[in-house]
């Protein structure tokens, strides 16, 4: 049995972590972790260099929306896995 809340939190804190935990879409999980690292590097660079501050806010909000979307998807996937196991 998979814990849907653990999958949610893992995907919330680290893109793809919940997918790796669920075991269904591991390659997607690893790809999202790599993308997360690269995006965070770019975000921090933009923020620290004060390159384009108004664009940083758009990037940050977009990442937060993406984080919650991925977390919700991992939660749903874990629930589906549990339902399949019960049958």
PDB file of N, CA and C in Angstrom:
ATOM      1  N   UNK A   1       0.837  -1.181   0.000  1.00  0.00           N
ATOM      2  CA  UNK A   1       0.000   0.000   0.000  1.00  0.00           C
ATOM      3  C   UNK A   1       0.886   1.249   0.000  1.00  0.00           C
ATOM      4  N   UNK A   2       0.464   2.203  -0.758  1.00  0.00           N
ATOM      5  CA  UNK A   2       1.178   3.472  -0.851  1.00  0.00           C
ATOM      6  C   UNK A   2       0.445   4.526  -0.024  1.00  0.00           C
ATOM      7  N   UNK A   3       1.211   5.368   0.633  1.00  0.00           N
ATOM      8  CA  UNK A   3       0.640   6.451   1.415  1.00  0.00           C
ATOM      9  C   UNK A   3       0.473   7.673   0.494  1.00  0.00           C
ATOM     10  N   UNK A   4      -0.785   8.041   0.141  1.00  0.00           N
ATOM     11  CA  UNK A   4      -0.995   9.166  -0.772  1.00  0.00           C
ATOM     12  C   UNK A   4      -0.403  10.476  -0.264  1.00  0.00           C
ATOM     13  N   UNK A   5      -0.448  10.699   1.047  1.00  0.00           N
ATOM     14  CA  UNK A   5       0.096  11.953   1.593  1.00  0.00           C
ATOM     15  C   UNK A   5       1.610  11.997   1.501  1.00  0.00           C
ATOM     16  N   UNK A   6       2.249  10.856   1.646  1.00  0.00           N
ATOM     17  CA  UNK A   6       3.699  10.820   1.490  1.00  0.00           C
ATOM     18  C   UNK A   6       4.079  11.121   0.036  1.00  0.00           C
ATOM     19  N   UNK A   7       3.337  10.554  -0.914  1.00  0.00           N
ATOM     20  CA  UNK A   7       3.574  10.847  -2.330  1.00  0.00           C
ATOM     21  C   UNK A   7       3.358  12.335  -2.607  1.00  0.00           C
ATOM     22  N   UNK A   8       2.322  12.914  -1.990  1.00  0.00           N
ATOM     23  CA  UNK A   8       2.037  14.342  -2.152  1.00  0.00           C
ATOM     24  C   UNK A   8       3.208  15.186  -1.661  1.00  0.00           C
ATOM     25  N   UNK A   9       3.661  14.908  -0.438  1.00  0.00           N
ATOM     26  CA  UNK A   9       4.740  15.697   0.159  1.00  0.00           C
ATOM     27  C   UNK A   9       6.046  15.516  -0.613  1.00  0.00           C
ATOM     28  N   UNK A  10       6.341  14.297  -1.027  1.00  0.00           N
ATOM     29  CA  UNK A  10       7.573  14.068  -1.790  1.00  0.00           C
ATOM     30  C   UNK A  10       7.566  14.854  -3.100  1.00  0.00           C
ATOM     31  N   UNK A  11       6.438  14.851  -3.804  1.00  0.00           N
ATOM     32  CA  UNK A  11       6.367  15.615  -5.054  1.00  0.00           C
ATOM     33  C   UNK A  11       6.334  17.115  -4.795  1.00  0.00           C
ATOM     34  N   UNK A  12       5.814  17.513  -3.661  1.00  0.00           N
ATOM     35  CA  UNK A  12       5.783  18.935  -3.321  1.00  0.00           C
ATOM     36  C   UNK A  12       7.183  19.460  -3.019  1.00  0.00           C
ATOM     37  N   UNK A  13       7.959  18.684  -2.293  1.00  0.00           N
ATOM     38  CA  UNK A  13       9.297  19.117  -1.902  1.00  0.00           C
ATOM     39  C   UNK A  13      10.336  18.898  -2.994  1.00  0.00           C
ATOM     40  N   UNK A  14      10.160  17.851  -3.778  1.00  0.00           N
ATOM     41  CA  UNK A  14      11.136  17.520  -4.814  1.00  0.00           C
ATOM     42  C   UNK A  14      10.374  16.971  -6.014  1.00  0.00           C
ATOM     43  N   UNK A  15      10.323  17.777  -7.078  1.00  0.00           N
ATOM     44  CA  UNK A  15       9.609  17.320  -8.284  1.00  0.00           C
ATOM     45  C   UNK A  15       9.987  15.868  -8.580  1.00  0.00           C
ATOM     46  N   UNK A  16       9.007  15.009  -8.752  1.00  0.00           N
ATOM     47  CA  UNK A  16       9.276  13.629  -9.145  1.00  0.00           C
ATOM     48  C   UNK A  16       9.458  12.660  -8.005  1.00  0.00           C
ATOM     49  N   UNK A  17       9.671  13.147  -6.797  1.00  0.00           N
ATOM     50  CA  UNK A  17       9.889  12.254  -5.664  1.00  0.00           C
ATOM     51  C   UNK A  17       8.705  11.342  -5.382  1.00  0.00           C
ATOM     52  N   UNK A  18       7.510  11.878  -5.526  1.00  0.00           N
ATOM     53  CA  UNK A  18       6.304  11.074  -5.313  1.00  0.00           C
ATOM     54  C   UNK A  18       6.114  10.010  -6.385  1.00  0.00           C
ATOM     55  N   UNK A  19       6.515  10.320  -7.608  1.00  0.00           N
ATOM     56  CA  UNK A  19       6.407   9.335  -8.690  1.00  0.00           C
ATOM     57  C   UNK A  19       7.384   8.183  -8.470  1.00  0.00           C
ATOM     58  N   UNK A  20       8.576   8.505  -8.004  1.00  0.00           N
ATOM     59  CA  UNK A  20       9.550   7.456  -7.711  1.00  0.00           C
ATOM     60  C   UNK A  20       9.043   6.598  -6.554  1.00  0.00           C
ATOM     61  N   UNK A  21       8.475   7.228  -5.538  1.00  0.00           N
ATOM     62  CA  UNK A  21       7.909   6.494  -4.407  1.00  0.00           C
ATOM     63  C   UNK A  21       6.784   5.567  -4.870  1.00  0.00           C
ATOM     64  N   UNK A  22       5.903   6.068  -5.739  1.00  0.00           N
ATOM     65  CA  UNK A  22       4.788   5.251  -6.223  1.00  0.00           C
ATOM     66  C   UNK A  22       5.262   4.106  -7.107  1.00  0.00           C
ATOM     67  N   UNK A  23       6.373   4.303  -7.790  1.00  0.00           N
ATOM     68  CA  UNK A  23       6.930   3.234  -8.612  1.00  0.00           C
ATOM     69  C   UNK A  23       6.313   3.084  -9.988  1.00  0.00           C
ATOM     70  N   UNK A  24       5.385   3.950 -10.346  1.00  0.00           N
ATOM     71  CA  UNK A  24       4.706   3.832 -11.641  1.00  0.00           C
ATOM     72  C   UNK A  24       5.472   4.526 -12.755  1.00  0.00           C
ATOM     73  N   UNK A  25       5.854   5.754 -12.529  1.00  0.00           N
ATOM     74  CA  UNK A  25       6.513   6.572 -13.557  1.00  0.00           C
ATOM     75  C   UNK A  25       7.867   7.047 -13.049  1.00  0.00           C
ATOM     76  N   UNK A  26       8.755   6.072 -12.852  1.00  0.00           N
ATOM     77  CA  UNK A  26      10.069   6.384 -12.274  1.00  0.00           C
ATOM     78  C   UNK A  26      10.899   7.272 -13.198  1.00  0.00           C
ATOM     79  N   UNK A  27      10.882   6.995 -14.497  1.00  0.00           N
ATOM     80  CA  UNK A  27      11.686   7.800 -15.427  1.00  0.00           C
ATOM     81  C   UNK A  27      11.203   9.247 -15.440  1.00  0.00           C
ATOM     82  N   UNK A  28       9.884   9.448 -15.388  1.00  0.00           N
ATOM     83  CA  UNK A  28       9.341  10.796 -15.284  1.00  0.00           C
ATOM     84  C   UNK A  28       9.823  11.446 -13.992  1.00  0.00           C
ATOM     85  N   UNK A  29       9.830  10.686 -12.923  1.00  0.00           N
ATOM     86  CA  UNK A  29      10.294  11.201 -11.637  1.00  0.00           C
ATOM     87  C   UNK A  29      11.737  11.672 -11.697  1.00  0.00           C
ATOM     88  N   UNK A  30      12.613  10.858 -12.278  1.00  0.00           N
ATOM     89  CA  UNK A  30      14.018  11.243 -12.391  1.00  0.00           C
ATOM     90  C   UNK A  30      14.188  12.453 -13.305  1.00  0.00           C
ATOM     91  N   UNK A  31      13.443  12.497 -14.404  1.00  0.00           N
ATOM     92  CA  UNK A  31      13.518  13.642 -15.326  1.00  0.00           C
ATOM     93  C   UNK A  31      13.054  14.916 -14.629  1.00  0.00           C
ATOM     94  N   UNK A  32      12.010  14.818 -13.828  1.00  0.00           N
ATOM     95  CA  UNK A  32      11.517  15.992 -13.104  1.00  0.00           C
ATOM     96  C   UNK A  32      12.510  16.468 -12.045  1.00  0.00           C
ATOM     97  N   UNK A  33      13.207  15.548 -11.421  1.00  0.00           N
ATOM     98  CA  UNK A  33      14.219  15.947 -10.434  1.00  0.00           C
ATOM     99  C   UNK A  33      15.344  16.719 -11.115  1.00  0.00           C
ATOM    100  N   UNK A  34      15.803  16.232 -12.261  1.00  0.00           N
ATOM    101  CA  UNK A  34      16.853  16.936 -13.005  1.00  0.00           C
ATOM    102  C   UNK A  34      16.353  18.305 -13.446  1.00  0.00           C
ATOM    103  N   UNK A  35      15.126  18.351 -13.970  1.00  0.00           N
ATOM    104  CA  UNK A  35      14.546  19.631 -14.400  1.00  0.00           C
ATOM    105  C   UNK A  35      14.406  20.582 -13.214  1.00  0.00           C
ATOM    106  N   UNK A  36      14.000  20.059 -12.062  1.00  0.00           N
ATOM    107  CA  UNK A  36      13.831  20.876 -10.856  1.00  0.00           C
ATOM    108  C   UNK A  36      15.157  21.514 -10.450  1.00  0.00           C
ATOM    109  N   UNK A  37      16.235  20.733 -10.499  1.00  0.00           N
ATOM    110  CA  UNK A  37      17.554  21.257 -10.138  1.00  0.00           C
ATOM    111  C   UNK A  37      17.949  22.387 -11.086  1.00  0.00           C
ATOM    112  N   UNK A  38      17.774  22.175 -12.385  1.00  0.00           N
ATOM    113  CA  UNK A  38      18.144  23.189 -13.373  1.00  0.00           C
ATOM    114  C   UNK A  38      17.280  24.442 -13.252  1.00  0.00           C
ATOM    115  N   UNK A  39      15.992  24.253 -13.039  1.00  0.00           N
ATOM    116  CA  UNK A  39      15.091  25.398 -12.905  1.00  0.00           C
ATOM    117  C   UNK A  39      15.419  26.192 -11.647  1.00  0.00           C
ATOM    118  N   UNK A  40      15.659  25.498 -10.549  1.00  0.00           N
ATOM    119  CA  UNK A  40      16.011  26.191  -9.300  1.00  0.00           C
ATOM    120  C   UNK A  40      17.320  26.962  -9.449  1.00  0.00           C
ATOM    121  N   UNK A  41      18.290  26.367 -10.145  1.00  0.00           N
ATOM    122  CA  UNK A  41      19.550  27.070 -10.380  1.00  0.00           C
ATOM    123  C   UNK A  41      19.290  28.364 -11.153  1.00  0.00           C
ATOM    124  N   UNK A  42      18.487  28.274 -12.207  1.00  0.00           N
ATOM    125  CA  UNK A  42      18.150  29.467 -12.988  1.00  0.00           C
ATOM    126  C   UNK A  42      17.387  30.483 -12.170  1.00  0.00           C
ATOM    127  N   UNK A  43      16.459  30.013 -11.363  1.00  0.00           N
ATOM    128  CA  UNK A  43      15.656  30.913 -10.531  1.00  0.00           C
ATOM    129  C   UNK A  43      16.540  31.655  -9.521  1.00  0.00           C
ATOM    130  N   UNK A  44      17.422  30.936  -8.871  1.00  0.00           N
ATOM    131  CA  UNK A  44      18.305  31.552  -7.876  1.00  0.00           C
ATOM    132  C   UNK A  44      19.260  32.537  -8.556  1.00  0.00           C
ATOM    133  N   UNK A  45      19.761  32.157  -9.725  1.00  0.00           N
ATOM    134  CA  UNK A  45      20.659  33.050 -10.466  1.00  0.00           C
ATOM    135  C   UNK A  45      19.951  34.344 -10.839  1.00  0.00           C
ATOM    136  N   UNK A  46      18.727  34.230 -11.345  1.00  0.00           N
ATOM    137  CA  UNK A  46      17.947  35.425 -11.708  1.00  0.00           C
ATOM    138  C   UNK A  46      17.704  36.291 -10.478  1.00  0.00           C
ATOM    139  N   UNK A  47      17.348  35.668  -9.369  1.00  0.00           N
ATOM    140  CA  UNK A  47      17.051  36.408  -8.147  1.00  0.00           C
ATOM    141  C   UNK A  47      18.296  37.118  -7.601  1.00  0.00           C
ATOM    142  N   UNK A  48      19.409  36.401  -7.526  1.00  0.00           N
ATOM    143  CA  UNK A  48      20.615  36.967  -6.920  1.00  0.00           C
ATOM    144  C   UNK A  48      21.267  38.046  -7.790  1.00  0.00           C
ATOM    145  N   UNK A  49      21.177  37.907  -9.088  1.00  0.00           N
ATOM    146  CA  UNK A  49      21.797  38.905  -9.957  1.00  0.00           C
ATOM    147  C   UNK A  49      20.867  40.079 -10.222  1.00  0.00           C
ATOM    148  N   UNK A  50      19.632  39.963  -9.724  1.00  0.00           N
ATOM    149  CA  UNK A  50      18.631  41.015  -9.935  1.00  0.00           C
ATOM    150  C   UNK A  50      18.478  41.323 -11.428  1.00  0.00           C
ATOM    151  N   UNK A  51      18.597  40.253 -12.232  1.00  0.00           N
ATOM    152  CA  UNK A  51      18.573  40.375 -13.681  1.00  0.00           C
ATOM    153  C   UNK A  51      17.251  40.944 -14.169  1.00  0.00           C
ATOM    154  N   UNK A  52      16.174  40.254 -13.879  1.00  0.00           N
ATOM    155  CA  UNK A  52      14.850  40.717 -14.293  1.00  0.00           C
ATOM    156  C   UNK A  52      13.888  40.389 -13.149  1.00  0.00           C
ATOM    157  N   UNK A  53      13.803  41.237 -12.128  1.00  0.00           N
ATOM    158  CA  UNK A  53      13.026  40.913 -10.929  1.00  0.00           C
ATOM    159  C   UNK A  53      11.553  40.590 -11.201  1.00  0.00           C
ATOM    160  N   UNK A  54      10.911  41.317 -12.106  1.00  0.00           N
ATOM    161  CA  UNK A  54       9.485  41.041 -12.357  1.00  0.00           C
ATOM    162  C   UNK A  54       9.297  39.678 -13.028  1.00  0.00           C
ATOM    163  N   UNK A  55      10.264  39.231 -13.800  1.00  0.00           N
ATOM    164  CA  UNK A  55      10.174  37.905 -14.424  1.00  0.00           C
ATOM    165  C   UNK A  55      10.417  36.807 -13.393  1.00  0.00           C
ATOM    166  N   UNK A  56      11.226  37.101 -12.382  1.00  0.00           N
ATOM    167  CA  UNK A  56      11.474  36.114 -11.337  1.00  0.00           C
ATOM    168  C   UNK A  56      10.180  35.779 -10.609  1.00  0.00           C
ATOM    169  N   UNK A  57       9.359  36.770 -10.324  1.00  0.00           N
ATOM    170  CA  UNK A  57       8.098  36.526  -9.625  1.00  0.00           C
ATOM    171  C   UNK A  57       7.183  35.625 -10.450  1.00  0.00           C
ATOM    172  N   UNK A  58       7.122  35.853 -11.750  1.00  0.00           N
ATOM    173  CA  UNK A  58       6.306  35.004 -12.634  1.00  0.00           C
ATOM    174  C   UNK A  58       6.836  33.575 -12.603  1.00  0.00           C
ATOM    175  N   UNK A  59       8.147  33.409 -12.682  1.00  0.00           N
ATOM    176  CA  UNK A  59       8.755  32.077 -12.624  1.00  0.00           C
ATOM    177  C   UNK A  59       8.444  31.407 -11.297  1.00  0.00           C
ATOM    178  N   UNK A  60       8.571  32.141 -10.198  1.00  0.00           N
ATOM    179  CA  UNK A  60       8.319  31.587  -8.872  1.00  0.00           C
ATOM    180  C   UNK A  60       6.866  31.128  -8.729  1.00  0.00           C
ATOM    181  N   UNK A  61       5.930  31.954  -9.136  1.00  0.00           N
ATOM    182  CA  UNK A  61       4.507  31.594  -9.041  1.00  0.00           C
ATOM    183  C   UNK A  61       4.209  30.388  -9.926  1.00  0.00           C
ATOM    184  N   UNK A  62       4.779  30.372 -11.112  1.00  0.00           N
ATOM    185  CA  UNK A  62       4.591  29.225 -12.006  1.00  0.00           C
ATOM    186  C   UNK A  62       5.113  27.938 -11.392  1.00  0.00           C
ATOM    187  N   UNK A  63       6.255  28.014 -10.734  1.00  0.00           N
ATOM    188  CA  UNK A  63       6.817  26.825 -10.090  1.00  0.00           C
ATOM    189  C   UNK A  63       5.949  26.353  -8.925  1.00  0.00           C
ATOM    190  N   UNK A  64       5.392  27.274  -8.170  1.00  0.00           N
ATOM    191  CA  UNK A  64       4.519  26.894  -7.059  1.00  0.00           C
ATOM    192  C   UNK A  64       3.264  26.184  -7.588  1.00  0.00           C
ATOM    193  N   UNK A  65       2.683  26.711  -8.645  1.00  0.00           N
ATOM    194  CA  UNK A  65       1.514  26.074  -9.255  1.00  0.00           C
ATOM    195  C   UNK A  65       1.887  24.678  -9.759  1.00  0.00           C
ATOM    196  N   UNK A  66       3.037  24.568 -10.415  1.00  0.00           N
ATOM    197  CA  UNK A  66       3.497  23.274 -10.916  1.00  0.00           C
ATOM    198  C   UNK A  66       3.749  22.297  -9.777  1.00  0.00           C
ATOM    199  N   UNK A  67       4.341  22.773  -8.682  1.00  0.00           N
ATOM    200  CA  UNK A  67       4.609  21.914  -7.532  1.00  0.00           C
ATOM    201  C   UNK A  67       3.320  21.315  -6.971  1.00  0.00           C
ATOM    202  N   UNK A  68       2.297  22.147  -6.798  1.00  0.00           N
ATOM    203  CA  UNK A  68       1.047  21.636  -6.239  1.00  0.00           C
ATOM    204  C   UNK A  68       0.313  20.737  -7.229  1.00  0.00           C
ATOM    205  N   UNK A  69       0.437  21.007  -8.513  1.00  0.00           N
ATOM    206  CA  UNK A  69      -0.182  20.151  -9.522  1.00  0.00           C
ATOM    207  C   UNK A  69       0.457  18.773  -9.530  1.00  0.00           C
ATOM    208  N   UNK A  70       1.787  18.731  -9.501  1.00  0.00           N
ATOM    209  CA  UNK A  70       2.486  17.444  -9.472  1.00  0.00           C
ATOM    210  C   UNK A  70       2.208  16.699  -8.176  1.00  0.00           C
ATOM    211  N   UNK A  71       2.141  17.417  -7.074  1.00  0.00           N
ATOM    212  CA  UNK A  71       1.856  16.777  -5.790  1.00  0.00           C
ATOM    213  C   UNK A  71       0.460  16.170  -5.781  1.00  0.00           C
ATOM    214  N   UNK A  72      -0.500  16.891  -6.328  1.00  0.00           N
ATOM    215  CA  UNK A  72      -1.869  16.389  -6.413  1.00  0.00           C
ATOM    216  C   UNK A  72      -1.946  15.155  -7.310  1.00  0.00           C
ATOM    217  N   UNK A  73      -1.197  15.172  -8.404  1.00  0.00           N
ATOM    218  CA  UNK A  73      -1.184  14.031  -9.310  1.00  0.00           C
ATOM    219  C   UNK A  73      -0.577  12.799  -8.640  1.00  0.00           C
ATOM    220  N   UNK A  74       0.506  12.975  -7.896  1.00  0.00           N
ATOM    221  CA  UNK A  74       1.127  11.849  -7.188  1.00  0.00           C
ATOM    222  C   UNK A  74       0.184  11.298  -6.122  1.00  0.00           C
ATOM    223  N   UNK A  75      -0.546  12.182  -5.463  1.00  0.00           N
ATOM    224  CA  UNK A  75      -1.536  11.757  -4.465  1.00  0.00           C
ATOM    225  C   UNK A  75      -2.608  10.885  -5.123  1.00  0.00           C
ATOM    226  N   UNK A  76      -3.134  11.354  -6.251  1.00  0.00           N
ATOM    227  CA  UNK A  76      -4.161  10.598  -6.973  1.00  0.00           C
ATOM    228  C   UNK A  76      -3.625   9.258  -7.463  1.00  0.00           C
ATOM    229  N   UNK A  77      -2.397   9.269  -7.941  1.00  0.00           N
ATOM    230  CA  UNK A  77      -1.791   8.025  -8.427  1.00  0.00           C
ATOM    231  C   UNK A  77      -1.644   7.012  -7.302  1.00  0.00           C
ATOM    232  N   UNK A  78      -1.229   7.450  -6.123  1.00  0.00           N
ATOM    233  CA  UNK A  78      -1.085   6.551  -4.981  1.00  0.00           C
ATOM    234  C   UNK A  78      -2.432   5.971  -4.574  1.00  0.00           C
ATOM    235  N   UNK A  79      -3.486   6.790  -4.614  1.00  0.00           N
ATOM    236  CA  UNK A  79      -4.826   6.278  -4.283  1.00  0.00           C
ATOM    237  C   UNK A  79      -5.272   5.217  -5.295  1.00  0.00           C
ATOM    238  N   UNK A  80      -4.981   5.442  -6.582  1.00  0.00           N
ATOM    239  CA  UNK A  80      -5.338   4.463  -7.616  1.00  0.00           C
ATOM    240  C   UNK A  80      -4.562   3.161  -7.427  1.00  0.00           C
ATOM    241  N   UNK A  81      -3.309   3.277  -7.061  1.00  0.00           N
ATOM    242  CA  UNK A  81      -2.496   2.079  -6.796  1.00  0.00           C
ATOM    243  C   UNK A  81      -3.107   1.289  -5.649  1.00  0.00           C
ATOM    244  N   UNK A  82      -3.506   1.982  -4.593  1.00  0.00           N
ATOM    245  CA  UNK A  82      -4.115   1.311  -3.438  1.00  0.00           C
ATOM    246  C   UNK A  82      -5.436   0.653  -3.799  1.00  0.00           C
ATOM    247  N   UNK A  83      -6.243   1.311  -4.633  1.00  0.00           N
ATOM    248  CA  UNK A  83      -7.519   0.738  -5.052  1.00  0.00           C
ATOM    249  C   UNK A  83      -7.284  -0.515  -5.892  1.00  0.00           C
ATOM    250  N   UNK A  84      -6.262  -0.499  -6.746  1.00  0.00           N
ATOM    251  CA  UNK A  84      -5.955  -1.671  -7.574  1.00  0.00           C
ATOM    252  C   UNK A  84      -5.478  -2.838  -6.723  1.00  0.00           C
ATOM    253  N   UNK A  85      -4.748  -2.539  -5.657  1.00  0.00           N
ATOM    254  CA  UNK A  85      -4.256  -3.587  -4.761  1.00  0.00           C
ATOM    255  C   UNK A  85      -5.419  -4.227  -4.009  1.00  0.00           C
ATOM    256  N   UNK A  86      -6.410  -3.429  -3.616  1.00  0.00           N
ATOM    257  CA  UNK A  86      -7.556  -3.945  -2.857  1.00  0.00           C
ATOM    258  C   UNK A  86      -8.421  -4.882  -3.693  1.00  0.00           C
ATOM    259  N   UNK A  87      -8.435  -4.681  -5.008  1.00  0.00           N
ATOM    260  CA  UNK A  87      -9.291  -5.515  -5.881  1.00  0.00           C
ATOM    261  C   UNK A  87      -8.676  -6.819  -6.129  1.00  0.00           C
TER     262      UNK A  87
END
